[in-house]
N, C-alpha and C. Protein backbone atom coordinates (compact mmCIF):
# COMPACT_ATOMS: atom_id res chain seq x y z
N MET A 1 179.09 -46.63 80.11
CA MET A 1 179.48 -45.95 78.80
C MET A 1 179.57 -47.66 77.69
N GLU A 2 179.28 -48.01 76.95
CA GLU A 2 179.92 -49.19 76.08
C GLU A 2 181.27 -49.00 75.34
N ALA A 3 181.79 -50.10 75.40
CA ALA A 3 183.19 -50.39 75.26
C ALA A 3 183.61 -49.02 73.65
N VAL A 4 182.61 -49.82 72.81
CA VAL A 4 182.86 -48.97 71.54
C VAL A 4 182.85 -47.78 71.74
N GLU A 5 181.77 -47.41 72.13
CA GLU A 5 181.54 -45.64 72.59
C GLU A 5 182.41 -45.31 72.98
N ALA A 6 183.06 -45.85 74.09
CA ALA A 6 184.53 -45.25 74.92
C ALA A 6 185.60 -45.40 74.23
N GLU A 7 185.67 -46.50 73.15
CA GLU A 7 186.63 -46.27 72.16
C GLU A 7 186.66 -44.92 71.32
N LEU A 8 185.76 -45.00 70.78
CA LEU A 8 185.27 -43.13 69.34
C LEU A 8 185.61 -42.68 70.86
N TYR A 9 185.07 -42.52 71.77
CA TYR A 9 185.68 -41.39 72.43
C TYR A 9 186.92 -40.88 72.72
N ARG A 10 187.59 -42.15 72.97
CA ARG A 10 189.06 -41.83 73.13
C ARG A 10 189.85 -41.47 71.83
N LEU A 11 188.92 -42.10 71.04
CA LEU A 11 189.89 -41.85 69.46
C LEU A 11 189.53 -40.07 68.84
N VAL A 12 188.69 -39.67 69.19
CA VAL A 12 188.04 -38.46 68.68
C VAL A 12 188.65 -37.21 69.75
N ALA A 13 189.56 -37.69 70.99
CA ALA A 13 189.79 -37.08 72.09
C ALA A 13 190.91 -37.17 71.25
N THR A 14 191.79 -37.66 71.26
CA THR A 14 192.80 -38.05 70.73
C THR A 14 193.35 -36.90 68.96
N ARG A 15 192.40 -37.24 68.34
CA ARG A 15 192.34 -36.82 67.08
C ARG A 15 191.95 -35.20 67.36
N LEU A 16 191.12 -34.58 68.50
CA LEU A 16 191.03 -33.27 68.07
C LEU A 16 192.37 -32.54 68.94
N LYS A 17 193.30 -33.58 70.08
CA LYS A 17 194.88 -32.83 70.22
C LYS A 17 195.18 -32.70 69.29
N VAL A 18 195.33 -33.86 68.60
CA VAL A 18 196.63 -33.71 67.54
C VAL A 18 196.06 -32.47 66.43
N ALA A 19 195.03 -32.43 65.99
CA ALA A 19 194.29 -31.37 65.45
C ALA A 19 194.80 -30.12 65.46
N HIS A 20 194.62 -29.92 67.17
CA HIS A 20 195.05 -28.50 67.83
C HIS A 20 196.45 -28.15 67.58
N ALA A 21 196.87 -29.23 67.71
CA ALA A 21 198.52 -29.07 67.71
C ALA A 21 198.82 -28.57 66.07
N GLN A 22 198.41 -29.02 65.19
CA GLN A 22 198.40 -28.84 63.95
C GLN A 22 198.12 -27.31 63.67
N VAL A 23 196.84 -26.97 63.85
CA VAL A 23 196.39 -25.46 63.88
C VAL A 23 197.74 -24.47 64.59
N ARG A 24 197.70 -24.98 65.50
CA ARG A 24 198.70 -23.95 66.29
C ARG A 24 200.22 -24.24 65.47
N ALA A 25 200.54 -25.22 64.68
CA ALA A 25 201.99 -25.07 64.30
C ALA A 25 201.77 -24.06 62.56
N LEU A 26 200.80 -24.49 62.46
CA LEU A 26 200.70 -23.31 60.97
C LEU A 26 200.89 -22.06 60.96
N ASP A 27 201.71 -21.77 59.85
CA ASP A 27 202.08 -20.25 59.69
C ASP A 27 200.66 -19.73 58.87
N VAL A 28 200.35 -19.28 59.37
CA VAL A 28 198.78 -18.46 58.78
C VAL A 28 198.50 -17.22 59.83
N SER A 29 197.97 -16.57 59.47
CA SER A 29 197.20 -15.76 60.07
C SER A 29 196.49 -15.41 61.23
N GLU A 30 196.60 -14.38 62.12
CA GLU A 30 196.07 -15.05 63.48
C GLU A 30 194.30 -15.49 63.38
N PRO A 31 193.93 -14.64 62.61
CA PRO A 31 191.84 -14.84 62.22
C PRO A 31 192.06 -16.12 61.37
N ILE A 32 192.65 -16.29 60.67
CA ILE A 32 192.29 -17.78 59.82
C ILE A 32 193.05 -18.75 61.25
N ARG A 33 193.59 -18.50 61.98
CA ARG A 33 194.22 -19.39 63.02
C ARG A 33 193.12 -19.38 64.32
N ALA A 34 192.53 -18.54 64.44
CA ALA A 34 191.30 -18.42 65.13
C ALA A 34 189.98 -19.06 64.84
N ALA A 35 189.63 -19.38 63.22
CA ALA A 35 188.48 -19.59 62.43
C ALA A 35 188.87 -21.21 62.82
N LEU A 36 189.79 -21.54 62.65
CA LEU A 36 190.09 -23.02 62.54
C LEU A 36 189.80 -23.70 63.91
N THR A 37 190.82 -22.57 64.83
CA THR A 37 190.55 -23.35 66.19
C THR A 37 189.24 -23.11 66.44
N ARG A 38 188.03 -22.25 66.16
CA ARG A 38 187.00 -22.13 66.34
C ARG A 38 185.91 -23.66 65.90
N SER A 39 186.30 -24.11 64.77
CA SER A 39 186.40 -25.28 64.00
C SER A 39 186.21 -26.63 64.67
N LEU A 40 187.79 -26.24 65.63
CA LEU A 40 187.60 -27.57 66.47
C LEU A 40 186.64 -27.50 67.84
N LEU A 41 186.40 -26.43 68.38
CA LEU A 41 185.74 -26.17 69.45
C LEU A 41 184.23 -26.48 68.94
N LEU A 42 184.32 -26.31 67.95
CA LEU A 42 182.60 -26.66 67.15
C LEU A 42 182.23 -28.28 67.08
N VAL A 43 183.28 -29.20 66.69
CA VAL A 43 183.53 -30.60 66.62
C VAL A 43 183.34 -30.84 67.72
N THR A 44 184.00 -30.63 69.25
CA THR A 44 184.36 -30.29 70.48
C THR A 44 182.96 -30.29 70.95
N GLU A 45 182.22 -29.72 70.76
CA GLU A 45 180.72 -28.79 71.16
C GLU A 45 180.00 -30.47 70.56
N ALA A 46 180.06 -30.68 69.33
CA ALA A 46 179.34 -31.71 68.73
C ALA A 46 179.42 -33.13 69.43
N ALA A 47 180.85 -33.13 69.78
CA ALA A 47 181.02 -34.92 70.73
C ALA A 47 179.97 -35.02 71.75
N LYS A 48 179.74 -34.05 72.49
CA LYS A 48 178.96 -33.75 73.52
C LYS A 48 176.96 -34.10 73.42
N ARG A 49 177.01 -34.21 72.26
CA ARG A 49 175.65 -34.12 71.93
C ARG A 49 175.51 -35.92 70.68
N ASP A 50 176.49 -35.81 69.99
CA ASP A 50 176.43 -36.71 68.70
C ASP A 50 177.98 -37.16 68.39
N LEU A 51 178.18 -38.48 69.15
CA LEU A 51 179.52 -38.57 68.96
C LEU A 51 180.42 -38.85 67.61
N PRO A 52 179.22 -39.69 67.06
CA PRO A 52 179.82 -40.68 65.70
C PRO A 52 179.75 -39.08 64.53
N GLU A 53 178.92 -38.29 64.78
CA GLU A 53 178.88 -36.68 63.80
C GLU A 53 180.30 -36.16 64.08
N ALA A 54 180.83 -36.11 65.20
CA ALA A 54 181.67 -35.23 65.56
C ALA A 54 183.03 -35.95 64.89
N ALA A 55 182.93 -37.43 64.82
CA ALA A 55 184.35 -38.05 64.34
C ALA A 55 184.27 -37.65 63.28
N ARG A 56 182.98 -37.81 61.99
CA ARG A 56 182.79 -37.29 60.63
C ARG A 56 183.26 -36.12 60.79
N ARG A 57 183.06 -35.24 61.34
CA ARG A 57 183.46 -33.68 60.96
C ARG A 57 184.27 -33.87 61.47
N LEU A 58 185.38 -33.78 62.46
CA LEU A 58 186.54 -34.07 62.44
C LEU A 58 187.60 -34.91 61.66
N ALA A 59 186.95 -35.85 61.36
CA ALA A 59 187.90 -36.68 59.60
C ALA A 59 187.67 -35.42 58.85
N ARG A 60 186.88 -35.63 58.05
CA ARG A 60 186.71 -34.24 56.97
C ARG A 60 187.96 -32.85 57.73
N PHE A 61 187.80 -32.31 58.64
CA PHE A 61 188.54 -30.92 58.87
C PHE A 61 190.36 -31.75 58.81
N THR A 62 190.16 -33.10 59.46
CA THR A 62 191.66 -33.34 59.23
C THR A 62 191.97 -33.61 57.90
N ASP A 63 191.52 -34.39 57.15
CA ASP A 63 191.61 -35.00 55.93
C ASP A 63 192.15 -33.13 54.86
N ALA A 64 191.58 -32.60 54.95
CA ALA A 64 191.50 -31.49 54.64
C ALA A 64 192.64 -30.61 54.78
N LEU A 65 193.05 -30.51 56.03
CA LEU A 65 194.19 -30.40 56.71
C LEU A 65 195.56 -30.71 56.23
N ASP A 66 195.26 -31.91 56.43
CA ASP A 66 196.39 -32.88 55.93
C ASP A 66 196.67 -32.60 54.31
N SER A 67 195.83 -32.35 53.43
CA SER A 67 195.92 -32.19 52.29
C SER A 67 196.14 -30.81 51.73
N GLY A 68 196.42 -29.86 52.48
CA GLY A 68 196.98 -28.49 52.61
C GLY A 68 195.94 -27.37 52.16
N GLU A 69 194.67 -27.93 52.32
CA GLU A 69 193.50 -26.73 52.67
C GLU A 69 193.74 -26.23 53.65
N LEU A 70 192.67 -25.32 53.71
CA LEU A 70 192.05 -24.85 54.95
C LEU A 70 191.20 -25.15 55.36
N PRO A 71 190.51 -25.63 56.06
CA PRO A 71 189.08 -26.06 56.29
C PRO A 71 188.31 -25.22 56.86
N LEU A 72 188.15 -23.94 56.89
CA LEU A 72 187.51 -22.83 57.28
C LEU A 72 185.70 -22.83 56.93
N PRO A 73 185.59 -22.72 58.07
CA PRO A 73 183.66 -22.75 58.06
C PRO A 73 183.50 -21.81 57.28
N PRO A 74 182.10 -21.66 56.96
CA PRO A 74 181.43 -20.82 55.89
C PRO A 74 181.36 -19.29 56.56
N GLY A 75 181.76 -18.36 55.89
CA GLY A 75 181.49 -16.56 56.28
C GLY A 75 183.06 -16.28 57.01
N SER A 76 183.84 -17.06 56.89
CA SER A 76 185.43 -17.02 57.38
C SER A 76 186.14 -15.90 56.22
């Protein structure tokens, strides 16, 4: 694993951990929390195949969460 890829992996892993903690701390219904958690699990899965895309998806998710939006996947 190249140094740049390893650093991106560490960054994504750290940001996923923080995002999961943010979702757990939200005052939302259990179905919404479950949908948000599923979104994060999809990012985790994506990281196994396409790390840069996973990083972009996670950035969009956390930006929405930080702005007060609930970044729910389509159909939630």
